[in-house]
Amino acid sequence: MSDYLAKVEEIIAEHQGIRDSVRRVGESVSDQEALSSLRSADSDWVAGRPELLEQKQSRLKETLDYLEDGMRKHFAREEEVLPSVLGEFLMRALLLEHQEILKTIDRSRSVALNTKFSGMSREALESRDSEIKQTVDGLCRLVEGHADKEDLMLETVKIALDKGK
């Protein structure tokens, strides 16, 4: 029992790290600097400032790669440790969510990184920036919601394991 308890506590602690990673993903696209520049610049902004969005795009790629790597490692750990603790049906539900999160990371990467900003009109730049933010915000909500659900399940299991000592 104490072995399971220690593993459950470690996974709960890992969730805080995941939340920190998710915040970094959100921060990499919520930077208003590029959008402010876009709105306040002269009409020559389009020719001279898409590099701000390209820099933001590069930071987002790095952050998504980091998040995906961390999530894959965390999921592998959970998928090794939790089946004996959670049982077949809860574990199956978690596996489905893990798959959905990884697919959403891929979709976010596609939306965010398959854009060439050079030569786009101001309106197209604003629209694309907004679409990228919405996509990443959805990913952040998905990952945070998943971690919250897991925390609730694991805290409940933790109570049972504590009482079973």
Protein backbone atom coordinates (compact mmCIF):
# COMPACT_ATOMS: atom_id res chain seq x y z
CA MET A 1 0.00 0.00 0.00
CA SER A 2 2.72 2.50 0.90
CA ASP A 3 4.42 1.85 -2.46
CA TYR A 4 1.20 2.77 -4.29
CA LEU A 5 0.76 5.81 -2.06
CA ALA A 6 4.26 7.07 -2.86
CA LYS A 7 3.69 6.61 -6.60
CA VAL A 8 0.32 8.39 -6.45
CA GLU A 9 1.90 11.30 -4.56
CA GLU A 10 4.69 11.55 -7.15
CA ILE A 11 2.18 11.70 -10.00
CA ILE A 12 0.15 14.37 -8.20
CA ALA A 13 3.37 16.41 -7.80
CA GLU A 14 4.12 15.99 -11.51
CA HIS A 15 0.79 17.62 -12.33
CA GLN A 16 2.07 20.93 -10.97
CA GLY A 17 4.95 20.74 -13.42
CA ILE A 18 2.49 20.06 -16.21
CA ARG A 19 0.45 23.10 -15.21
CA ASP A 20 3.63 25.20 -15.34
CA SER A 21 4.36 23.90 -18.85
CA VAL A 22 0.81 24.70 -19.94
CA ARG A 23 1.20 28.25 -18.62
CA ARG A 24 4.38 28.61 -20.70
CA VAL A 25 2.48 27.50 -23.81
CA GLY A 26 -0.22 30.07 -23.10
CA GLU A 27 2.33 32.79 -22.41
CA SER A 28 4.11 32.11 -25.67
CA VAL A 29 1.01 33.16 -27.60
CA SER A 30 -0.66 35.62 -25.26
CA ASP A 31 2.11 38.14 -25.69
CA GLN A 32 0.22 41.21 -26.82
CA GLU A 33 3.32 42.97 -28.09
CA ALA A 34 2.95 41.79 -31.68
CA LEU A 35 -0.76 42.52 -31.80
CA SER A 36 -0.27 45.98 -30.24
CA SER A 37 2.39 46.73 -32.78
CA LEU A 38 0.07 45.51 -35.46
CA ARG A 39 -2.75 47.83 -34.42
CA SER A 40 -0.67 50.93 -33.79
CA ALA A 41 1.89 50.75 -36.58
CA ASP A 42 1.80 52.60 -39.85
CA SER A 43 0.54 50.87 -42.94
CA ASP A 44 4.10 49.71 -43.61
CA TRP A 45 3.85 47.37 -40.57
CA VAL A 46 2.92 44.47 -42.82
CA ALA A 47 6.09 44.77 -44.84
CA GLY A 48 8.33 45.33 -41.82
CA ARG A 49 6.90 43.52 -38.79
CA PRO A 50 5.81 39.97 -39.58
CA GLU A 51 9.11 38.91 -38.04
CA LEU A 52 7.56 39.59 -34.62
CA LEU A 53 4.94 36.94 -35.29
CA GLU A 54 7.61 34.65 -36.74
CA GLN A 55 9.62 35.01 -33.51
CA LYS A 56 6.49 34.28 -31.52
CA GLN A 57 5.84 31.30 -33.78
CA SER A 58 9.36 29.97 -33.11
CA ARG A 59 8.91 30.31 -29.32
CA LEU A 60 5.57 28.53 -29.57
CA LYS A 61 7.11 25.63 -31.49
CA GLU A 62 9.79 25.18 -28.85
CA THR A 63 7.21 25.33 -26.09
CA LEU A 64 4.86 22.86 -27.79
CA ASP A 65 7.77 20.47 -28.35
CA TYR A 66 8.73 20.76 -24.68
CA LEU A 67 5.13 20.24 -23.58
CA GLU A 68 4.65 17.22 -25.84
CA ASP A 69 7.87 15.60 -24.63
CA GLY A 70 6.90 16.17 -21.01
CA MET A 71 3.36 14.91 -21.54
CA ARG A 72 4.56 11.74 -23.28
CA LYS A 73 6.93 10.96 -20.41
CA HIS A 74 4.27 11.73 -17.80
CA PHE A 75 1.64 9.65 -19.62
CA ALA A 76 4.06 6.72 -19.90
CA ARG A 77 4.66 6.90 -16.15
CA GLU A 78 0.95 7.05 -15.40
CA GLU A 79 0.22 4.21 -17.80
CA GLU A 80 2.80 2.10 -15.98
CA VAL A 81 1.80 2.95 -12.41
CA LEU A 82 -1.92 3.67 -12.39
CA PRO A 83 -3.67 0.61 -13.89
CA SER A 84 -3.34 -1.37 -10.68
CA VAL A 85 -4.53 1.62 -8.67
CA LEU A 86 -7.41 2.89 -10.82
CA GLY A 87 -8.72 -0.25 -12.45
CA GLU A 88 -9.66 -1.03 -16.01
CA PHE A 89 -12.40 1.51 -16.75
CA LEU A 90 -10.89 4.62 -15.20
CA MET A 91 -7.58 3.75 -16.82
CA ARG A 92 -9.25 3.31 -20.20
CA ALA A 93 -10.82 6.76 -19.80
CA LEU A 94 -7.43 8.27 -18.96
CA LEU A 95 -5.83 6.61 -21.99
CA LEU A 96 -8.48 8.12 -24.25
CA GLU A 97 -7.78 11.55 -22.77
CA HIS A 98 -4.03 11.07 -23.18
CA GLN A 99 -4.59 10.30 -26.86
CA GLU A 100 -6.84 13.35 -27.27
CA ILE A 101 -4.28 15.63 -25.63
CA LEU A 102 -1.50 14.40 -27.92
CA LYS A 103 -3.74 14.85 -30.99
CA THR A 104 -4.62 18.37 -29.83
CA ILE A 105 -0.93 19.21 -29.40
CA ASP A 106 -0.39 18.07 -33.00
CA ARG A 107 -3.35 20.14 -34.22
CA SER A 108 -2.09 23.16 -32.29
CA ARG A 109 1.34 22.74 -33.83
CA SER A 110 -0.17 22.54 -37.33
CA VAL A 111 -2.32 25.64 -36.88
CA ALA A 112 0.46 27.61 -35.26
CA LEU A 113 3.39 26.60 -37.38
CA ASN A 114 2.04 26.17 -40.90
CA THR A 115 1.75 29.90 -41.50
CA LYS A 116 4.09 32.12 -43.44
CA PHE A 117 3.46 35.64 -42.15
CA SER A 118 5.54 37.41 -44.76
CA GLY A 119 3.33 39.13 -47.30
CA MET A 120 0.08 38.75 -45.34
CA SER A 121 -2.27 41.70 -45.01
CA ARG A 122 -2.81 43.32 -41.63
CA GLU A 123 -6.26 41.76 -41.38
CA ALA A 124 -4.93 38.31 -42.27
CA LEU A 125 -2.17 38.67 -39.67
CA GLU A 126 -4.66 39.64 -36.98
CA SER A 127 -6.98 36.81 -37.95
CA ARG A 128 -4.23 34.20 -37.98
CA ASP A 129 -2.82 35.44 -34.66
CA SER A 130 -6.30 35.18 -33.12
CA GLU A 131 -6.80 31.67 -34.52
CA ILE A 132 -3.46 30.53 -33.09
CA LYS A 133 -4.34 31.97 -29.67
CA GLN A 134 -7.74 30.26 -29.67
CA THR A 135 -6.20 26.92 -30.63
CA VAL A 136 -3.55 27.11 -27.92
CA ASP A 137 -6.06 28.33 -25.33
CA GLY A 138 -8.17 25.24 -26.09
CA LEU A 139 -5.11 23.02 -25.63
CA CYS A 140 -4.32 24.69 -22.31
CA ARG A 141 -7.88 24.19 -21.06
CA LEU A 142 -7.83 20.54 -22.16
CA VAL A 143 -4.55 19.74 -20.37
CA GLU A 144 -5.48 21.66 -17.22
CA GLY A 145 -8.92 20.01 -17.11
CA HIS A 146 -7.33 16.59 -17.52
CA ALA A 147 -4.84 17.27 -14.71
CA ASP A 148 -7.69 18.47 -12.47
CA LYS A 149 -9.66 15.26 -13.11
CA GLU A 150 -6.62 13.12 -12.44
CA ASP A 151 -5.85 15.03 -9.25
CA LEU A 152 -9.39 14.45 -7.99
CA MET A 153 -9.16 10.71 -8.72
CA LEU A 154 -5.69 10.41 -7.23
CA GLU A 155 -6.51 12.40 -4.11
CA THR A 156 -9.45 10.04 -3.57
CA VAL A 157 -7.20 7.02 -4.06
CA LYS A 158 -4.63 8.60 -1.75
CA ILE A 159 -7.22 8.86 1.02
CA ALA A 160 -8.11 5.18 0.58
CA LEU A 161 -4.45 4.17 0.61
CA ASP A 162 -3.74 6.30 3.69
CA LYS A 163 -6.64 4.68 5.55
CA GLY A 164 -5.55 1.21 4.44
CA LYS A 165 -2.14 1.43 6.16
